[in-house]
Amino acid sequence: MSGPRSGSPRSSRSTIARFDDALWSEVRRHFSEAEIVELVAHATLYIGFGRFNEIVGVDPESMKPVEVR
């Protein structure tokens, strides 16, 4: 059995993106170093949220929105 609660440290969907020099050059044409750091940090945070949800078995699709007053 495979999945978030099977004891497997990673799901079978896990991949690691590798950026080559050409891609980094293109990114640097459009963003400053500070913006790149911020973009990568945000992407990492969202990937972490997804992994957390998978590990603890949270289905974000089934969650109800919180009412803000």
N, C-alpha and C. Protein backbone atom coordinates (compact mmCIF):
# COMPACT_ATOMS: atom_id res chain seq x y z
N MET A 1 0.85 -1.18 0.00
CA MET A 1 0.00 0.00 0.00
C MET A 1 0.89 1.24 0.00
N SER A 2 0.50 2.22 -0.78
CA SER A 2 1.27 3.45 -0.86
C SER A 2 0.35 4.62 -0.59
N GLY A 3 0.90 5.68 -0.05
CA GLY A 3 0.09 6.86 0.20
C GLY A 3 0.59 7.61 1.39
N PRO A 4 -0.14 8.66 1.78
CA PRO A 4 0.35 9.53 2.84
C PRO A 4 0.45 8.86 4.19
N ARG A 5 -0.34 7.83 4.45
CA ARG A 5 -0.31 7.18 5.76
C ARG A 5 0.30 5.79 5.72
N SER A 6 0.96 5.44 4.65
CA SER A 6 1.50 4.10 4.51
C SER A 6 2.89 3.96 5.11
N GLY A 7 3.43 5.03 5.65
CA GLY A 7 4.78 4.98 6.19
C GLY A 7 5.83 5.36 5.17
N SER A 8 5.42 5.58 3.95
CA SER A 8 6.33 5.99 2.90
C SER A 8 6.72 7.44 3.12
N PRO A 9 8.03 7.76 3.11
CA PRO A 9 8.44 9.15 3.36
C PRO A 9 8.04 10.11 2.26
N ARG A 10 7.80 9.63 1.05
CA ARG A 10 7.43 10.49 -0.06
C ARG A 10 6.38 9.80 -0.91
N SER A 11 5.51 10.58 -1.48
CA SER A 11 4.52 10.00 -2.38
C SER A 11 5.19 9.68 -3.70
N SER A 12 4.56 8.85 -4.49
CA SER A 12 5.14 8.48 -5.78
C SER A 12 5.09 9.65 -6.77
N ARG A 13 4.33 10.70 -6.43
CA ARG A 13 4.22 11.87 -7.31
C ARG A 13 5.35 12.86 -7.10
N SER A 14 6.20 12.66 -6.12
CA SER A 14 7.25 13.62 -5.81
C SER A 14 8.26 13.72 -6.95
N THR A 15 8.56 14.95 -7.32
CA THR A 15 9.61 15.20 -8.29
C THR A 15 10.41 16.40 -7.82
N ILE A 16 11.62 16.47 -8.27
CA ILE A 16 12.46 17.61 -7.93
C ILE A 16 12.76 18.35 -9.23
N ALA A 17 12.38 19.62 -9.27
CA ALA A 17 12.63 20.42 -10.46
C ALA A 17 14.07 20.89 -10.46
N ARG A 18 14.71 20.76 -11.57
CA ARG A 18 16.07 21.25 -11.76
C ARG A 18 16.03 22.32 -12.83
N PHE A 19 16.55 23.49 -12.52
CA PHE A 19 16.57 24.58 -13.49
C PHE A 19 17.95 24.65 -14.11
N ASP A 20 18.00 24.72 -15.41
CA ASP A 20 19.29 24.85 -16.07
C ASP A 20 19.67 26.33 -16.18
N ASP A 21 20.89 26.58 -16.63
CA ASP A 21 21.40 27.96 -16.71
C ASP A 21 20.57 28.82 -17.65
N ALA A 22 20.06 28.24 -18.73
CA ALA A 22 19.26 29.02 -19.68
C ALA A 22 17.97 29.51 -19.02
N LEU A 23 17.35 28.67 -18.24
CA LEU A 23 16.11 29.09 -17.57
C LEU A 23 16.40 30.18 -16.54
N TRP A 24 17.46 30.01 -15.75
CA TRP A 24 17.80 31.04 -14.77
C TRP A 24 18.11 32.37 -15.46
N SER A 25 18.78 32.31 -16.59
CA SER A 25 19.08 33.55 -17.34
C SER A 25 17.79 34.24 -17.77
N GLU A 26 16.83 33.46 -18.24
CA GLU A 26 15.55 34.03 -18.66
C GLU A 26 14.79 34.62 -17.46
N VAL A 27 14.81 33.93 -16.34
CA VAL A 27 14.14 34.43 -15.13
C VAL A 27 14.79 35.74 -14.69
N ARG A 28 16.11 35.79 -14.73
CA ARG A 28 16.83 37.00 -14.30
C ARG A 28 16.58 38.19 -15.23
N ARG A 29 16.18 37.93 -16.46
CA ARG A 29 15.84 39.03 -17.37
C ARG A 29 14.57 39.75 -16.92
N HIS A 30 13.70 39.04 -16.21
CA HIS A 30 12.39 39.57 -15.85
C HIS A 30 12.25 39.95 -14.37
N PHE A 31 13.12 39.38 -13.53
CA PHE A 31 12.98 39.60 -12.08
C PHE A 31 14.33 39.95 -11.46
N SER A 32 14.28 40.74 -10.38
CA SER A 32 15.49 41.04 -9.63
C SER A 32 15.84 39.84 -8.75
N GLU A 33 17.04 39.83 -8.20
CA GLU A 33 17.44 38.73 -7.31
C GLU A 33 16.49 38.63 -6.11
N ALA A 34 16.09 39.77 -5.55
CA ALA A 34 15.17 39.76 -4.41
C ALA A 34 13.82 39.16 -4.80
N GLU A 35 13.35 39.49 -5.99
CA GLU A 35 12.07 38.94 -6.45
C GLU A 35 12.16 37.44 -6.70
N ILE A 36 13.29 37.00 -7.22
CA ILE A 36 13.48 35.56 -7.45
C ILE A 36 13.48 34.81 -6.13
N VAL A 37 14.17 35.35 -5.15
CA VAL A 37 14.19 34.72 -3.82
C VAL A 37 12.77 34.63 -3.27
N GLU A 38 12.02 35.70 -3.39
CA GLU A 38 10.65 35.71 -2.90
C GLU A 38 9.76 34.71 -3.64
N LEU A 39 9.89 34.64 -4.95
CA LEU A 39 9.12 33.68 -5.75
C LEU A 39 9.44 32.24 -5.35
N VAL A 40 10.73 31.94 -5.21
CA VAL A 40 11.14 30.58 -4.84
C VAL A 40 10.67 30.26 -3.42
N ALA A 41 10.76 31.23 -2.51
CA ALA A 41 10.30 31.00 -1.14
C ALA A 41 8.80 30.72 -1.10
N HIS A 42 8.03 31.46 -1.87
CA HIS A 42 6.57 31.24 -1.90
C HIS A 42 6.24 29.88 -2.51
N ALA A 43 6.92 29.53 -3.59
CA ALA A 43 6.68 28.22 -4.21
C ALA A 43 7.00 27.10 -3.23
N THR A 44 8.10 27.25 -2.51
CA THR A 44 8.50 26.25 -1.52
C THR A 44 7.46 26.14 -0.41
N LEU A 45 6.94 27.26 0.02
CA LEU A 45 5.93 27.27 1.08
C LEU A 45 4.67 26.53 0.62
N TYR A 46 4.22 26.80 -0.59
CA TYR A 46 3.01 26.13 -1.09
C TYR A 46 3.23 24.64 -1.29
N ILE A 47 4.42 24.25 -1.75
CA ILE A 47 4.73 22.83 -1.88
C ILE A 47 4.70 22.19 -0.48
N GLY A 48 5.24 22.89 0.50
CA GLY A 48 5.22 22.39 1.88
C GLY A 48 3.80 22.22 2.40
N PHE A 49 2.93 23.19 2.12
CA PHE A 49 1.52 23.06 2.54
C PHE A 49 0.89 21.82 1.92
N GLY A 50 1.15 21.59 0.65
CA GLY A 50 0.60 20.43 -0.02
C GLY A 50 1.09 19.13 0.58
N ARG A 51 2.37 19.07 0.88
CA ARG A 51 2.93 17.86 1.50
C ARG A 51 2.36 17.66 2.90
N PHE A 52 2.24 18.75 3.67
CA PHE A 52 1.65 18.66 5.00
C PHE A 52 0.23 18.09 4.91
N ASN A 53 -0.57 18.65 4.01
CA ASN A 53 -1.95 18.17 3.84
C ASN A 53 -1.98 16.69 3.48
N GLU A 54 -1.06 16.27 2.61
CA GLU A 54 -1.00 14.87 2.21
C GLU A 54 -0.61 13.97 3.39
N ILE A 55 0.35 14.39 4.17
CA ILE A 55 0.82 13.58 5.30
C ILE A 55 -0.26 13.40 6.35
N VAL A 56 -0.97 14.48 6.68
CA VAL A 56 -1.99 14.39 7.74
C VAL A 56 -3.35 14.01 7.20
N GLY A 57 -3.46 13.84 5.88
CA GLY A 57 -4.71 13.38 5.29
C GLY A 57 -5.77 14.45 5.11
N VAL A 58 -5.36 15.71 5.00
CA VAL A 58 -6.31 16.80 4.79
C VAL A 58 -6.61 16.90 3.30
N ASP A 59 -7.90 16.95 2.96
CA ASP A 59 -8.31 17.14 1.58
C ASP A 59 -8.79 18.58 1.45
N PRO A 60 -7.94 19.48 0.90
CA PRO A 60 -8.32 20.89 0.80
C PRO A 60 -9.61 21.11 0.02
N GLU A 61 -9.92 20.23 -0.92
CA GLU A 61 -11.13 20.37 -1.72
C GLU A 61 -12.39 20.21 -0.87
N SER A 62 -12.29 19.44 0.20
CA SER A 62 -13.47 19.18 1.02
C SER A 62 -13.65 20.18 2.16
N MET A 63 -12.70 21.09 2.32
CA MET A 63 -12.78 22.06 3.40
C MET A 63 -13.74 23.19 3.05
N LYS A 64 -14.48 23.64 4.04
CA LYS A 64 -15.42 24.75 3.83
C LYS A 64 -14.69 26.07 4.06
N PRO A 65 -15.02 27.10 3.30
CA PRO A 65 -14.40 28.42 3.52
C PRO A 65 -14.79 28.98 4.90
N VAL A 66 -13.87 29.71 5.48
CA VAL A 66 -14.14 30.36 6.76
C VAL A 66 -14.83 31.68 6.51
N GLU A 67 -15.88 31.93 7.26
CA GLU A 67 -16.62 33.18 7.10
C GLU A 67 -15.88 34.29 7.84
N VAL A 68 -15.58 35.36 7.14
CA VAL A 68 -14.89 36.50 7.73
C VAL A 68 -15.91 37.58 8.03
N ARG A 69 -15.86 38.10 9.25
CA ARG A 69 -16.81 39.15 9.64
C ARG A 69 -16.15 40.48 9.73
